[in-house]
Amino acid sequence: MDFFTGRYNVCMSERLTNVEEKIAYLEKFVADLDGVVRELHDSLDAVRLEMGQLQSRIEQSAQTDGEADDLESQRPPHY
Protein backbone atom coordinates (compact mmCIF):
# COMPACT_ATOMS: atom_id res chain seq x y z
CA MET A 1 0.00 0.00 0.00
CA ASP A 2 1.46 3.32 -0.99
CA PHE A 3 1.19 6.67 0.81
CA PHE A 4 -1.79 7.97 -1.18
CA THR A 5 -3.84 4.82 -0.75
CA GLY A 6 -3.18 4.80 2.99
CA ARG A 7 -4.03 8.52 3.27
CA TYR A 8 -7.24 7.94 1.28
CA ASN A 9 -8.28 5.08 3.58
CA VAL A 10 -7.64 7.23 6.68
CA CYS A 11 -9.63 10.11 5.19
CA MET A 12 -12.54 7.83 4.26
CA SER A 13 -12.45 6.24 7.70
CA GLU A 14 -12.66 9.68 9.36
CA ARG A 15 -15.54 10.68 7.10
CA LEU A 16 -17.37 7.45 7.87
CA THR A 17 -16.88 8.02 11.60
CA ASN A 18 -18.25 11.57 11.24
CA VAL A 19 -21.29 10.31 9.36
CA GLU A 20 -21.91 7.62 11.99
CA GLU A 21 -21.68 10.24 14.77
CA LYS A 22 -24.16 12.48 12.98
CA ILE A 23 -26.55 9.59 12.45
CA ALA A 24 -26.35 8.67 16.15
CA TYR A 25 -27.03 12.30 17.10
CA LEU A 26 -30.00 12.48 14.74
CA GLU A 27 -31.43 9.20 16.04
CA LYS A 28 -31.33 10.56 19.60
CA PHE A 29 -32.83 13.85 18.45
CA VAL A 30 -35.71 12.05 16.70
CA ALA A 31 -36.34 9.90 19.80
CA ASP A 32 -36.42 13.01 22.00
CA LEU A 33 -38.68 14.80 19.55
CA ASP A 34 -41.00 11.79 19.47
CA GLY A 35 -41.31 12.01 23.25
CA VAL A 36 -42.21 15.69 23.08
CA VAL A 37 -44.81 15.07 20.37
CA ARG A 38 -46.37 12.26 22.44
CA GLU A 39 -46.57 14.55 25.50
CA LEU A 40 -48.20 17.28 23.42
CA HIS A 41 -50.69 14.77 22.03
CA ASP A 42 -51.62 13.62 25.54
CA SER A 43 -51.96 17.25 26.68
CA LEU A 44 -54.14 18.07 23.70
CA ASP A 45 -56.39 15.09 24.46
CA ALA A 46 -56.75 16.29 28.06
CA VAL A 47 -57.62 19.81 26.91
CA ARG A 48 -60.19 18.48 24.45
CA LEU A 49 -61.80 16.38 27.18
CA GLU A 50 -61.94 19.33 29.58
CA MET A 51 -63.31 21.58 26.85
CA GLY A 52 -66.08 19.07 26.14
CA GLN A 53 -66.96 18.92 29.83
CA LEU A 54 -67.05 22.71 30.04
CA GLN A 55 -69.27 22.92 26.96
CA SER A 56 -71.67 20.44 28.55
CA ARG A 57 -71.77 22.54 31.72
CA ILE A 58 -72.41 25.70 29.71
CA GLU A 59 -75.23 24.01 27.79
CA GLN A 60 -76.77 22.69 31.02
CA SER A 61 -76.48 26.13 32.59
CA ALA A 62 -78.09 27.74 29.56
CA GLN A 63 -80.96 25.24 29.71
CA THR A 64 -81.39 25.87 33.43
CA ASP A 65 -81.37 29.65 32.87
CA GLY A 66 -83.86 29.22 30.04
CA GLU A 67 -86.17 27.19 32.28
CA ALA A 68 -85.92 29.86 34.99
CA ASP A 69 -86.90 32.51 32.44
CA ASP A 70 -89.87 30.38 31.44
CA LEU A 71 -90.93 30.06 35.07
CA GLU A 72 -90.70 33.83 35.50
CA SER A 73 -92.99 34.39 32.54
CA GLN A 74 -95.43 31.76 33.87
CA ARG A 75 -95.97 33.47 37.22
CA PRO A 76 -99.53 34.23 38.08
CA PRO A 77 -100.41 37.92 37.78
CA HIS A 78 -100.88 38.41 41.56
CA TYR A 79 -97.15 37.93 42.26
C-alpha atoms as a PDB file:
ATOM      1  CA  MET A   1       0.000   0.000   0.000  1.00  0.00           C
ATOM      2  CA  ASP A   2       1.464   3.320  -0.986  1.00  0.00           C
ATOM      3  CA  PHE A   3       1.193   6.666   0.812  1.00  0.00           C
ATOM      4  CA  PHE A   4      -1.790   7.970  -1.176  1.00  0.00           C
ATOM      5  CA  THR A   5      -3.844   4.823  -0.753  1.00  0.00           C
ATOM      6  CA  GLY A   6      -3.177   4.804   2.989  1.00  0.00           C
ATOM      7  CA  ARG A   7      -4.034   8.520   3.267  1.00  0.00           C
ATOM      8  CA  TYR A   8      -7.239   7.943   1.277  1.00  0.00           C
ATOM      9  CA  ASN A   9      -8.284   5.082   3.581  1.00  0.00           C
ATOM     10  CA  VAL A  10      -7.641   7.231   6.676  1.00  0.00           C
ATOM     11  CA  CYS A  11      -9.625  10.110   5.186  1.00  0.00           C
ATOM     12  CA  MET A  12     -12.542   7.830   4.264  1.00  0.00           C
ATOM     13  CA  SER A  13     -12.451   6.242   7.700  1.00  0.00           C
ATOM     14  CA  GLU A  14     -12.662   9.679   9.356  1.00  0.00           C
ATOM     15  CA  ARG A  15     -15.539  10.679   7.099  1.00  0.00           C
ATOM     16  CA  LEU A  16     -17.365   7.449   7.870  1.00  0.00           C
ATOM     17  CA  THR A  17     -16.877   8.018  11.597  1.00  0.00           C
ATOM     18  CA  ASN A  18     -18.250  11.567  11.244  1.00  0.00           C
ATOM     19  CA  VAL A  19     -21.288  10.307   9.358  1.00  0.00           C
ATOM     20  CA  GLU A  20     -21.908   7.616  11.992  1.00  0.00           C
ATOM     21  CA  GLU A  21     -21.678  10.241  14.766  1.00  0.00           C
ATOM     22  CA  LYS A  22     -24.160  12.482  12.983  1.00  0.00           C
ATOM     23  CA  ILE A  23     -26.554   9.587  12.455  1.00  0.00           C
ATOM     24  CA  ALA A  24     -26.348   8.670  16.146  1.00  0.00           C
ATOM     25  CA  TYR A  25     -27.031  12.298  17.104  1.00  0.00           C
ATOM     26  CA  LEU A  26     -30.003  12.484  14.738  1.00  0.00           C
ATOM     27  CA  GLU A  27     -31.432   9.203  16.039  1.00  0.00           C
ATOM     28  CA  LYS A  28     -31.328  10.557  19.601  1.00  0.00           C
ATOM     29  CA  PHE A  29     -32.831  13.853  18.448  1.00  0.00           C
ATOM     30  CA  VAL A  30     -35.707  12.045  16.702  1.00  0.00           C
ATOM     31  CA  ALA A  31     -36.341   9.896  19.797  1.00  0.00           C
ATOM     32  CA  ASP A  32     -36.423  13.008  22.004  1.00  0.00           C
ATOM     33  CA  LEU A  33     -38.683  14.803  19.552  1.00  0.00           C
ATOM     34  CA  ASP A  34     -40.998  11.794  19.467  1.00  0.00           C
ATOM     35  CA  GLY A  35     -41.310  12.007  23.254  1.00  0.00           C
ATOM     36  CA  VAL A  36     -42.208  15.688  23.076  1.00  0.00           C
ATOM     37  CA  VAL A  37     -44.811  15.069  20.374  1.00  0.00           C
ATOM     38  CA  ARG A  38     -46.374  12.265  22.439  1.00  0.00           C
ATOM     39  CA  GLU A  39     -46.571  14.549  25.503  1.00  0.00           C
ATOM     40  CA  LEU A  40     -48.198  17.275  23.421  1.00  0.00           C
ATOM     41  CA  HIS A  41     -50.688  14.768  22.029  1.00  0.00           C
ATOM     42  CA  ASP A  42     -51.618  13.624  25.540  1.00  0.00           C
ATOM     43  CA  SER A  43     -51.962  17.251  26.681  1.00  0.00           C
ATOM     44  CA  LEU A  44     -54.144  18.066  23.698  1.00  0.00           C
ATOM     45  CA  ASP A  45     -56.393  15.092  24.456  1.00  0.00           C
ATOM     46  CA  ALA A  46     -56.751  16.287  28.065  1.00  0.00           C
ATOM     47  CA  VAL A  47     -57.617  19.814  26.908  1.00  0.00           C
ATOM     48  CA  ARG A  48     -60.193  18.484  24.454  1.00  0.00           C
ATOM     49  CA  LEU A  49     -61.796  16.381  27.182  1.00  0.00           C
ATOM     50  CA  GLU A  50     -61.936  19.328  29.577  1.00  0.00           C
ATOM     51  CA  MET A  51     -63.314  21.580  26.852  1.00  0.00           C
ATOM     52  CA  GLY A  52     -66.080  19.067  26.137  1.00  0.00           C
ATOM     53  CA  GLN A  53     -66.957  18.916  29.829  1.00  0.00           C
ATOM     54  CA  LEU A  54     -67.051  22.707  30.039  1.00  0.00           C
ATOM     55  CA  GLN A  55     -69.266  22.918  26.956  1.00  0.00           C
ATOM     56  CA  SER A  56     -71.667  20.440  28.550  1.00  0.00           C
ATOM     57  CA  ARG A  57     -71.765  22.536  31.719  1.00  0.00           C
ATOM     58  CA  ILE A  58     -72.415  25.695  29.715  1.00  0.00           C
ATOM     59  CA  GLU A  59     -75.228  24.010  27.785  1.00  0.00           C
ATOM     60  CA  GLN A  60     -76.768  22.686  31.016  1.00  0.00           C
ATOM     61  CA  SER A  61     -76.476  26.126  32.594  1.00  0.00           C
ATOM     62  CA  ALA A  62     -78.091  27.743  29.557  1.00  0.00           C
ATOM     63  CA  GLN A  63     -80.957  25.240  29.715  1.00  0.00           C
ATOM     64  CA  THR A  64     -81.394  25.870  33.431  1.00  0.00           C
ATOM     65  CA  ASP A  65     -81.365  29.645  32.865  1.00  0.00           C
ATOM     66  CA  GLY A  66     -83.863  29.224  30.038  1.00  0.00           C
ATOM     67  CA  GLU A  67     -86.169  27.191  32.285  1.00  0.00           C
ATOM     68  CA  ALA A  68     -85.921  29.863  34.988  1.00  0.00           C
ATOM     69  CA  ASP A  69     -86.901  32.507  32.441  1.00  0.00           C
ATOM     70  CA  ASP A  70     -89.867  30.381  31.437  1.00  0.00           C
ATOM     71  CA  LEU A  71     -90.935  30.063  35.069  1.00  0.00           C
ATOM     72  CA  GLU A  72     -90.695  33.830  35.496  1.00  0.00           C
ATOM     73  CA  SER A  73     -92.988  34.388  32.537  1.00  0.00           C
ATOM     74  CA  GLN A  74     -95.430  31.756  33.866  1.00  0.00           C
ATOM     75  CA  ARG A  75     -95.975  33.470  37.223  1.00  0.00           C
ATOM     76  CA  PRO A  76     -99.531  34.231  38.076  1.00  0.00           C
ATOM     77  CA  PRO A  77    -100.409  37.919  37.778  1.00  0.00           C
ATOM     78  CA  HIS A  78    -100.882  38.408  41.561  1.00  0.00           C
ATOM     79  CA  TYR A  79     -97.146  37.929  42.261  1.00  0.00           C
END
